[in-house]
Amino acid sequence: MLKQRVISACIMMLVFLLVLLVLPPIAFIAFVSLGMAIGAWEWSNLAGLGSRAKRYAYLALVLFATVLCGWYIDIDADFVPQNMANLQALFWVSLIWWGIALLWVQGYPSSSVLWGSIPARLLMGMLVLVPAWVGLFFIRAQEHGSWLVLLLVLAVAAADTGAYFAGKRFGRRRLAASVSPGKSWEGFAGGLMASIALAVVVGQFWAPDERLWILLLVAPTALVSVLGDLLESMVKRHRGVKDSGLILPGHGGVLDRVDGMTAAVPVFAFTLLVTGMHTSAAIG
């Protein structure tokens, strides 16, 4: 099982780096869109939809929502958002949603009375997936968009890895016992320290004059990535399943691999936008 996980992880990493750093930008756009479509398919099951027809209908609805958001933020022919005011409004909606999600995770299982119905869980899926899709487009559209996306991924990975090792060594106090008993506050602190260490290293060697901005990008991104993980764990526990899908050998579904990213992307993108660190440069 471990060997299968390692092989799958290496393949996924190579494919991701190829799409992000080597292939034309359209390949990244297609890659992200495909991942979101698979995620929507998996979420339809987590939401409780049984028939394939209903799950396909939900997939079509999520794709329509992404097109609608693309129109709302005025994505041009180069897939660059042009309407920054509308983009900021969309991110505000996402941040408010994740604030509500935090309260629901903290209140589980009692909070399931508010979100446990199928329609509510379907709406949750759209709020999880669509802003992340928009945020990745915006991040990739920056002057150094490929490297910013890589920084985002590394921040989430550092938080996850640091939490795992710190939690395994020092974990005592449960972070959210009813949702994910394996997570601890000590692990959470370890993940935060690992992400801060990443920001310091990146700032020192990549952008010495922007070290503070790098920290402002990485720290909140790493913090909120934990919430994305916990939210999916909560929905899976409510649904009574271990994994969101079976498409990735040894890893489960796509959502099982990107759950932290779904919360991290809007925060990272919002920080870029409101601090003025973004540019109007097209992706390339």
Protein backbone atom coordinates (compact mmCIF):
# COMPACT_ATOMS: atom_id res chain seq x y z
CA MET A 1 0.00 0.00 0.00
CA LEU A 2 2.81 2.42 0.90
CA LYS A 3 4.67 1.58 -2.30
CA GLN A 4 1.52 2.26 -4.32
CA ARG A 5 1.03 5.60 -2.57
CA VAL A 6 4.61 6.66 -3.22
CA ILE A 7 4.48 5.70 -6.90
CA SER A 8 1.15 7.49 -7.37
CA ALA A 9 2.44 10.59 -5.57
CA CYS A 10 5.57 10.74 -7.75
CA ILE A 11 3.53 10.41 -10.93
CA MET A 12 1.10 13.09 -9.82
CA MET A 13 3.95 15.44 -8.93
CA LEU A 14 5.67 14.95 -12.28
CA VAL A 15 2.45 15.51 -14.22
CA PHE A 16 1.67 18.64 -12.21
CA LEU A 17 5.13 20.14 -12.69
CA LEU A 18 5.04 19.33 -16.40
CA VAL A 19 1.67 21.03 -16.83
CA LEU A 20 2.61 24.03 -14.69
CA LEU A 21 6.19 24.75 -15.78
CA VAL A 22 6.72 23.20 -19.21
CA LEU A 23 3.51 22.99 -21.22
CA PRO A 24 1.61 26.04 -22.59
CA PRO A 25 -0.76 27.85 -20.21
CA ILE A 26 -3.81 26.29 -21.86
CA ALA A 27 -2.61 22.91 -20.55
CA PHE A 28 -2.74 24.21 -16.98
CA ILE A 29 -6.23 25.60 -17.56
CA ALA A 30 -7.40 22.26 -18.94
CA PHE A 31 -5.71 20.39 -16.09
CA VAL A 32 -7.39 22.50 -13.40
CA SER A 33 -10.77 22.31 -15.13
CA LEU A 34 -10.54 18.53 -15.41
CA GLY A 35 -9.62 18.27 -11.74
CA MET A 36 -12.57 20.44 -10.78
CA ALA A 37 -14.93 18.33 -12.90
CA ILE A 38 -13.72 15.13 -11.23
CA GLY A 39 -14.03 16.84 -7.86
CA ALA A 40 -17.63 17.82 -8.64
CA TRP A 41 -18.40 14.22 -9.61
CA GLU A 42 -16.93 12.97 -6.33
CA TRP A 43 -18.75 15.61 -4.30
CA SER A 44 -22.07 14.60 -5.82
CA ASN A 45 -21.60 11.24 -4.11
CA LEU A 46 -20.55 12.86 -0.83
CA ALA A 47 -23.70 14.97 -1.04
CA GLY A 48 -25.83 11.84 -1.26
CA LEU A 49 -26.83 11.70 -4.92
CA GLY A 50 -27.37 8.07 -5.89
CA SER A 51 -28.20 7.89 -9.57
CA ARG A 52 -25.64 8.61 -12.29
CA ALA A 53 -28.12 10.89 -14.05
CA LYS A 54 -28.39 13.15 -10.99
CA ARG A 55 -24.63 13.16 -10.55
CA TYR A 56 -24.09 14.15 -14.19
CA ALA A 57 -26.69 16.89 -13.74
CA TYR A 58 -24.76 18.23 -10.74
CA LEU A 59 -21.52 18.12 -12.70
CA ALA A 60 -23.16 20.15 -15.47
CA LEU A 61 -24.46 22.63 -12.88
CA VAL A 62 -20.98 23.15 -11.40
CA LEU A 63 -19.48 23.65 -14.85
CA PHE A 64 -22.20 26.16 -15.67
CA ALA A 65 -21.42 28.00 -12.42
CA THR A 66 -17.75 28.27 -13.43
CA VAL A 67 -18.71 29.68 -16.82
CA LEU A 68 -21.02 32.17 -15.09
CA CYS A 69 -18.23 33.24 -12.73
CA GLY A 70 -15.88 33.59 -15.69
CA TRP A 71 -18.38 35.95 -17.30
CA TYR A 72 -18.86 37.84 -14.01
CA ILE A 73 -15.14 38.54 -13.60
CA ASP A 74 -14.71 39.14 -17.35
CA ILE A 75 -12.09 36.53 -18.25
CA ASP A 76 -10.58 37.53 -21.57
CA ALA A 77 -9.28 35.44 -24.47
CA ASP A 78 -6.00 34.85 -22.60
CA PHE A 79 -7.97 33.56 -19.58
CA VAL A 80 -7.03 36.60 -17.51
CA PRO A 81 -9.69 38.13 -15.18
CA GLN A 82 -10.29 41.80 -16.04
CA ASN A 83 -12.92 42.94 -13.53
CA MET A 84 -10.99 43.19 -10.25
CA ALA A 85 -13.94 44.58 -8.28
CA ASN A 86 -16.14 41.62 -9.16
CA LEU A 87 -13.26 39.24 -8.54
CA GLN A 88 -12.76 40.70 -5.07
CA ALA A 89 -16.49 40.38 -4.37
CA LEU A 90 -16.35 36.72 -5.39
CA PHE A 91 -13.44 36.09 -3.05
CA TRP A 92 -15.30 37.84 -0.23
CA VAL A 93 -18.18 35.40 -0.71
CA SER A 94 -15.69 32.54 -0.53
CA LEU A 95 -14.07 33.86 2.65
CA ILE A 96 -17.45 34.28 4.33
CA TRP A 97 -18.33 30.74 3.29
CA TRP A 98 -15.14 29.34 4.84
CA GLY A 99 -15.91 31.27 8.02
CA ILE A 100 -19.27 29.51 8.17
CA ALA A 101 -17.56 26.20 7.40
CA LEU A 102 -15.25 26.73 10.39
CA LEU A 103 -18.25 27.12 12.68
CA TRP A 104 -19.85 23.98 11.27
CA VAL A 105 -16.67 21.94 11.73
CA GLN A 106 -16.36 23.17 15.31
CA GLY A 107 -20.00 22.32 15.97
CA TYR A 108 -20.06 18.85 14.39
CA PRO A 109 -22.06 16.62 14.76
CA SER A 110 -24.73 19.02 16.03
CA SER A 111 -24.13 21.39 13.10
CA SER A 112 -25.22 18.71 10.61
CA VAL A 113 -28.81 19.80 11.18
CA LEU A 114 -27.89 22.92 9.19
CA TRP A 115 -25.98 21.34 6.31
CA GLY A 116 -26.80 17.63 6.34
CA SER A 117 -29.54 17.72 3.69
CA ILE A 118 -28.65 16.82 0.12
CA PRO A 119 -29.41 20.30 -1.31
CA ALA A 120 -27.25 21.95 1.37
CA ARG A 121 -24.33 19.62 0.68
CA LEU A 122 -24.64 20.20 -3.06
CA LEU A 123 -24.41 23.94 -2.46
CA MET A 124 -21.40 23.36 -0.20
CA GLY A 125 -19.67 21.58 -3.07
CA MET A 126 -20.13 24.55 -5.37
CA LEU A 127 -18.77 26.93 -2.72
CA VAL A 128 -15.75 24.66 -2.25
CA LEU A 129 -14.90 24.06 -5.90
CA VAL A 130 -15.82 27.13 -7.95
CA PRO A 131 -13.88 29.83 -6.03
CA ALA A 132 -10.81 27.56 -6.03
CA TRP A 133 -11.09 27.25 -9.82
CA VAL A 134 -11.37 31.02 -10.22
CA GLY A 135 -8.54 31.64 -7.77
CA LEU A 136 -6.13 29.37 -9.63
CA PHE A 137 -6.88 31.18 -12.90
CA PHE A 138 -6.16 34.50 -11.23
CA ILE A 139 -2.93 33.31 -9.58
CA ARG A 140 -1.64 31.73 -12.79
CA ALA A 141 -2.39 34.96 -14.67
CA GLN A 142 0.21 36.91 -12.68
CA GLU A 143 3.61 37.94 -13.99
CA HIS A 144 5.26 35.04 -12.16
CA GLY A 145 2.09 32.99 -12.02
CA SER A 146 3.64 29.55 -12.39
CA TRP A 147 5.96 30.14 -9.46
CA LEU A 148 3.18 31.61 -7.36
CA VAL A 149 1.07 28.49 -7.96
CA LEU A 150 4.07 26.38 -6.97
CA LEU A 151 4.53 28.49 -3.82
CA LEU A 152 0.85 27.92 -2.98
CA VAL A 153 1.19 24.15 -3.40
CA LEU A 154 4.38 24.08 -1.33
CA ALA A 155 2.73 26.12 1.44
CA VAL A 156 -0.12 23.63 1.70
CA ALA A 157 2.28 20.69 1.52
CA ALA A 158 4.52 22.19 4.22
CA ALA A 159 1.53 22.71 6.51
CA ASP A 160 0.33 19.16 5.93
CA THR A 161 3.78 17.58 6.36
CA GLY A 162 4.68 19.65 9.40
CA ALA A 163 1.35 18.82 11.01
CA TYR A 164 1.83 15.11 10.38
CA PHE A 165 5.26 14.83 11.96
CA ALA A 166 4.61 17.26 14.82
CA GLY A 167 1.30 15.59 15.57
CA LYS A 168 2.84 12.13 15.51
CA ARG A 169 5.62 13.18 17.88
CA PHE A 170 3.92 15.66 20.19
CA GLY A 171 0.17 15.35 19.53
CA ARG A 172 -1.92 15.33 22.69
CA ARG A 173 -4.85 17.74 22.40
CA ARG A 174 -7.37 16.91 19.67
CA LEU A 175 -8.01 19.66 17.14
CA ALA A 176 -11.44 18.41 16.06
CA ALA A 177 -12.05 15.05 17.69
CA SER A 178 -15.52 14.52 16.22
CA VAL A 179 -14.34 15.23 12.68
CA SER A 180 -10.74 13.96 12.44
CA PRO A 181 -9.44 12.33 15.64
CA GLY A 182 -5.90 12.09 14.26
CA LYS A 183 -5.37 15.85 14.09
CA SER A 184 -4.00 17.72 17.09
CA TRP A 185 -3.29 21.29 18.11
CA GLU A 186 0.39 20.37 18.37
CA GLY A 187 0.26 19.17 14.77
CA PHE A 188 -1.48 22.37 13.76
CA ALA A 189 1.33 24.40 15.37
CA GLY A 190 3.94 22.22 13.66
CA GLY A 191 2.29 22.80 10.30
CA LEU A 192 2.26 26.55 10.85
CA MET A 193 5.94 26.58 11.81
CA ALA A 194 6.83 24.51 8.74
CA SER A 195 4.97 26.92 6.47
CA ILE A 196 6.67 29.93 8.10
CA ALA A 197 10.03 28.24 7.59
CA LEU A 198 9.14 27.77 3.93
CA ALA A 199 8.23 31.45 3.62
CA VAL A 200 11.54 32.48 5.19
CA VAL A 201 13.56 30.26 2.84
CA VAL A 202 11.64 31.34 -0.26
CA GLY A 203 11.87 34.98 0.74
CA GLN A 204 15.60 34.71 1.37
CA PHE A 205 16.56 32.99 -1.87
CA TRP A 206 13.80 33.94 -4.32
CA ALA A 207 12.66 37.44 -3.34
CA PRO A 208 14.85 39.00 -0.61
CA ASP A 209 13.11 42.36 -0.99
CA GLU A 210 9.66 40.78 -0.63
CA ARG A 211 10.16 38.58 2.42
CA LEU A 212 7.34 40.17 4.39
CA TRP A 213 4.93 39.81 1.47
CA ILE A 214 5.88 36.17 1.02
CA LEU A 215 5.12 35.56 4.70
CA LEU A 216 1.79 37.36 4.37
CA LEU A 217 0.94 35.06 1.48
CA VAL A 218 2.08 31.79 2.98
CA ALA A 219 1.03 31.95 6.64
CA PRO A 220 -2.75 32.50 6.25
CA THR A 221 -2.80 30.13 3.28
CA ALA A 222 -1.27 27.35 5.35
CA LEU A 223 -3.59 28.05 8.27
CA VAL A 224 -6.80 27.85 6.27
CA SER A 225 -5.70 24.75 4.34
CA VAL A 226 -6.36 22.77 7.53
CA LEU A 227 -9.99 23.87 7.38
CA GLY A 228 -10.38 22.53 3.85
CA ASP A 229 -9.10 19.15 5.05
CA LEU A 230 -11.42 19.16 8.07
CA LEU A 231 -14.47 20.15 6.05
CA GLU A 232 -14.10 17.26 3.64
CA SER A 233 -13.45 14.89 6.55
CA MET A 234 -16.66 16.09 8.17
CA VAL A 235 -18.73 15.52 5.03
CA LYS A 236 -17.16 12.10 4.46
CA ARG A 237 -17.87 11.12 8.07
CA HIS A 238 -21.48 12.25 7.69
CA ARG A 239 -21.77 10.26 4.46
CA GLY A 240 -20.08 7.23 6.02
CA VAL A 241 -17.24 6.86 3.50
CA LYS A 242 -13.47 6.76 3.93
CA ASP A 243 -12.43 8.32 0.60
CA SER A 244 -14.08 10.69 -1.86
CA GLY A 245 -13.29 8.35 -4.76
CA LEU A 246 -11.00 5.64 -6.13
CA ILE A 247 -9.37 7.34 -9.11
CA LEU A 248 -5.92 7.75 -7.51
CA PRO A 249 -4.34 4.41 -6.49
CA GLY A 250 -3.39 4.47 -2.83
CA HIS A 251 -4.75 7.99 -2.32
CA GLY A 252 -8.51 7.76 -2.87
CA GLY A 253 -10.17 10.50 -4.88
CA VAL A 254 -9.11 13.84 -6.27
CA LEU A 255 -10.82 15.65 -3.41
CA ASP A 256 -8.78 13.64 -0.92
CA ARG A 257 -5.63 15.15 -2.44
CA VAL A 258 -6.81 18.74 -2.92
CA ASP A 259 -9.10 19.29 0.07
CA GLY A 260 -6.63 21.67 1.70
CA MET A 261 -6.10 23.48 -1.58
CA THR A 262 -9.80 24.26 -2.00
CA ALA A 263 -9.69 26.50 1.08
CA ALA A 264 -6.15 27.76 0.54
CA VAL A 265 -6.52 28.99 -3.04
CA PRO A 266 -9.14 31.72 -2.41
CA VAL A 267 -7.18 33.03 0.59
CA PHE A 268 -3.90 33.10 -1.36
CA ALA A 269 -5.57 34.79 -4.34
CA PHE A 270 -7.45 37.28 -2.15
CA THR A 271 -4.22 38.24 -0.39
CA LEU A 272 -2.54 38.82 -3.74
CA LEU A 273 -5.44 41.00 -4.84
CA VAL A 274 -6.03 43.20 -1.79
CA THR A 275 -2.34 43.80 -1.01
CA GLY A 276 -1.68 44.95 -4.55
CA MET A 277 0.90 42.23 -5.15
CA HIS A 278 -0.91 41.17 -8.32
CA THR A 279 -0.23 42.61 -11.76
CA SER A 280 -2.25 42.84 -14.94
CA ALA A 281 0.25 40.77 -16.89
CA ALA A 282 -1.16 37.95 -18.98
CA ILE A 283 -0.11 34.42 -18.30
CA GLY A 284 2.82 33.22 -20.31
